[in-house]
Amino acid sequence: MFSLTSTLLVVADNGHHDMDWEDWILMALFWTLLIVGIVFVVRQLMGHGAGRGRSAGGDDPLAILDRSLAEGKLSPEQYRERRSILSERDQS
């Protein structure tokens, strides 16, 4: 019966392990997943994740305006006025 210790001793006695093509594929897959994972975490920490269409302030101005109307912070007249201002700004 083999144990982990005896397996490690056998590998250590051989000096090196000849890698098959399966080993190369697994090693490439491991490093690829590791690098992709690190890039994903760094992008999430830097704020470049799901909100790609957003302005530097964090939220789209029209979304903020829509939310303000829905929450009752703006009257419909104020909403239309501010939306037209934002639309003019986007066109120029």
C-alpha atoms as a PDB file:
ATOM      1  CA  MET A   1       0.000   0.000   0.000  1.00  0.00           C
ATOM      2  CA  PHE A   2       1.353   3.364  -1.045  1.00  0.00           C
ATOM      3  CA  SER A   3       1.247   6.408   1.128  1.00  0.00           C
ATOM      4  CA  LEU A   4       1.910  10.026   0.269  1.00  0.00           C
ATOM      5  CA  THR A   5       5.283   9.887   2.015  1.00  0.00           C
ATOM      6  CA  SER A   6       6.469   6.865   0.064  1.00  0.00           C
ATOM      7  CA  THR A   7       5.264   8.416  -3.185  1.00  0.00           C
ATOM      8  CA  LEU A   8       7.174  11.624  -2.442  1.00  0.00           C
ATOM      9  CA  LEU A   9      10.294   9.629  -1.622  1.00  0.00           C
ATOM     10  CA  VAL A  10      10.095   7.744  -4.915  1.00  0.00           C
ATOM     11  CA  VAL A  11       9.723  11.000  -6.859  1.00  0.00           C
ATOM     12  CA  ALA A  12      12.584  12.579  -4.897  1.00  0.00           C
ATOM     13  CA  ASP A  13      14.805   9.555  -5.614  1.00  0.00           C
ATOM     14  CA  ASN A  14      14.203   9.821  -9.363  1.00  0.00           C
ATOM     15  CA  GLY A  15      15.528  13.357  -9.406  1.00  0.00           C
ATOM     16  CA  HIS A  16      12.989  14.587 -11.945  1.00  0.00           C
ATOM     17  CA  HIS A  17       9.722  13.536 -13.504  1.00  0.00           C
ATOM     18  CA  ASP A  18       9.382  13.299 -17.268  1.00  0.00           C
ATOM     19  CA  MET A  19       6.295  15.267 -18.234  1.00  0.00           C
ATOM     20  CA  ASP A  20       3.779  13.773 -20.644  1.00  0.00           C
ATOM     21  CA  TRP A  21       1.639  15.928 -22.908  1.00  0.00           C
ATOM     22  CA  GLU A  22      -1.216  15.558 -20.403  1.00  0.00           C
ATOM     23  CA  ASP A  23       1.010  17.078 -17.731  1.00  0.00           C
ATOM     24  CA  TRP A  24       1.826  20.013 -20.012  1.00  0.00           C
ATOM     25  CA  ILE A  25      -1.851  20.597 -20.753  1.00  0.00           C
ATOM     26  CA  LEU A  26      -2.758  20.482 -17.068  1.00  0.00           C
ATOM     27  CA  MET A  27       0.087  22.840 -16.189  1.00  0.00           C
ATOM     28  CA  ALA A  28      -0.945  25.292 -18.947  1.00  0.00           C
ATOM     29  CA  LEU A  29      -4.575  25.094 -17.812  1.00  0.00           C
ATOM     30  CA  PHE A  30      -3.572  25.724 -14.206  1.00  0.00           C
ATOM     31  CA  TRP A  31      -1.480  28.797 -15.049  1.00  0.00           C
ATOM     32  CA  THR A  32      -4.129  30.147 -17.423  1.00  0.00           C
ATOM     33  CA  LEU A  33      -6.856  29.852 -14.786  1.00  0.00           C
ATOM     34  CA  LEU A  34      -4.588  31.384 -12.162  1.00  0.00           C
ATOM     35  CA  ILE A  35      -3.735  34.386 -14.347  1.00  0.00           C
ATOM     36  CA  VAL A  36      -7.354  34.910 -15.437  1.00  0.00           C
ATOM     37  CA  GLY A  37      -8.438  34.729 -11.790  1.00  0.00           C
ATOM     38  CA  ILE A  38      -5.866  37.305 -10.730  1.00  0.00           C
ATOM     39  CA  VAL A  39      -6.847  39.653 -13.580  1.00  0.00           C
ATOM     40  CA  PHE A  40     -10.528  39.288 -12.654  1.00  0.00           C
ATOM     41  CA  VAL A  41      -9.877  40.096  -8.981  1.00  0.00           C
ATOM     42  CA  VAL A  42      -7.697  43.101  -9.822  1.00  0.00           C
ATOM     43  CA  ARG A  43     -10.308  44.467 -12.263  1.00  0.00           C
ATOM     44  CA  GLN A  44     -13.054  44.072  -9.662  1.00  0.00           C
ATOM     45  CA  LEU A  45     -10.967  45.837  -7.025  1.00  0.00           C
ATOM     46  CA  MET A  46     -10.192  48.691  -9.418  1.00  0.00           C
ATOM     47  CA  GLY A  47     -13.865  49.120 -10.347  1.00  0.00           C
ATOM     48  CA  HIS A  48     -13.649  48.001 -13.974  1.00  0.00           C
ATOM     49  CA  GLY A  49     -16.103  45.151 -13.555  1.00  0.00           C
ATOM     50  CA  ALA A  50     -19.733  45.125 -14.656  1.00  0.00           C
ATOM     51  CA  GLY A  51     -20.191  48.922 -14.890  1.00  0.00           C
ATOM     52  CA  ARG A  52     -18.350  49.566 -18.126  1.00  0.00           C
ATOM     53  CA  GLY A  53     -20.810  52.127 -19.497  1.00  0.00           C
ATOM     54  CA  ARG A  54     -20.723  54.318 -16.425  1.00  0.00           C
ATOM     55  CA  SER A  55     -19.195  57.728 -15.967  1.00  0.00           C
ATOM     56  CA  ALA A  56     -16.256  58.415 -13.689  1.00  0.00           C
ATOM     57  CA  GLY A  57     -18.657  59.347 -10.883  1.00  0.00           C
ATOM     58  CA  GLY A  58     -19.841  55.777 -10.607  1.00  0.00           C
ATOM     59  CA  ASP A  59     -23.446  55.960 -11.905  1.00  0.00           C
ATOM     60  CA  ASP A  60     -24.957  56.980 -15.208  1.00  0.00           C
ATOM     61  CA  PRO A  61     -26.501  60.473 -14.826  1.00  0.00           C
ATOM     62  CA  LEU A  62     -29.726  59.410 -16.552  1.00  0.00           C
ATOM     63  CA  ALA A  63     -30.045  56.446 -14.198  1.00  0.00           C
ATOM     64  CA  ILE A  64     -29.646  58.788 -11.219  1.00  0.00           C
ATOM     65  CA  LEU A  65     -32.255  61.111 -12.699  1.00  0.00           C
ATOM     66  CA  ASP A  66     -34.669  58.221 -13.306  1.00  0.00           C
ATOM     67  CA  ARG A  67     -34.134  56.975  -9.747  1.00  0.00           C
ATOM     68  CA  SER A  68     -34.756  60.463  -8.337  1.00  0.00           C
ATOM     69  CA  LEU A  69     -38.079  60.694 -10.184  1.00  0.00           C
ATOM     70  CA  ALA A  70     -39.083  57.214  -9.036  1.00  0.00           C
ATOM     71  CA  GLU A  71     -38.238  58.060  -5.426  1.00  0.00           C
ATOM     72  CA  GLY A  72     -40.286  61.272  -5.604  1.00  0.00           C
ATOM     73  CA  LYS A  73     -37.314  63.596  -5.167  1.00  0.00           C
ATOM     74  CA  LEU A  74     -38.162  65.378  -8.445  1.00  0.00           C
ATOM     75  CA  SER A  75     -41.410  66.576  -9.929  1.00  0.00           C
ATOM     76  CA  PRO A  76     -42.176  65.519 -13.506  1.00  0.00           C
ATOM     77  CA  GLU A  77     -41.392  69.071 -14.666  1.00  0.00           C
ATOM     78  CA  GLN A  78     -37.984  69.046 -12.958  1.00  0.00           C
ATOM     79  CA  TYR A  79     -37.322  65.605 -14.421  1.00  0.00           C
ATOM     80  CA  ARG A  80     -38.113  66.709 -17.988  1.00  0.00           C
ATOM     81  CA  GLU A  81     -36.013  69.868 -17.635  1.00  0.00           C
ATOM     82  CA  ARG A  82     -32.986  68.036 -16.296  1.00  0.00           C
ATOM     83  CA  ARG A  83     -33.352  65.199 -18.811  1.00  0.00           C
ATOM     84  CA  SER A  84     -33.372  67.695 -21.702  1.00  0.00           C
ATOM     85  CA  ILE A  85     -30.226  69.328 -20.288  1.00  0.00           C
ATOM     86  CA  LEU A  86     -28.483  65.956 -20.100  1.00  0.00           C
ATOM     87  CA  SER A  87     -29.638  65.040 -23.629  1.00  0.00           C
ATOM     88  CA  GLU A  88     -28.270  68.335 -25.014  1.00  0.00           C
ATOM     89  CA  ARG A  89     -24.979  67.737 -23.240  1.00  0.00           C
ATOM     90  CA  ASP A  90     -24.714  64.220 -24.701  1.00  0.00           C
ATOM     91  CA  GLN A  91     -25.401  65.475 -28.240  1.00  0.00           C
ATOM     92  CA  SER A  92     -22.605  68.053 -28.140  1.00  0.00           C
END
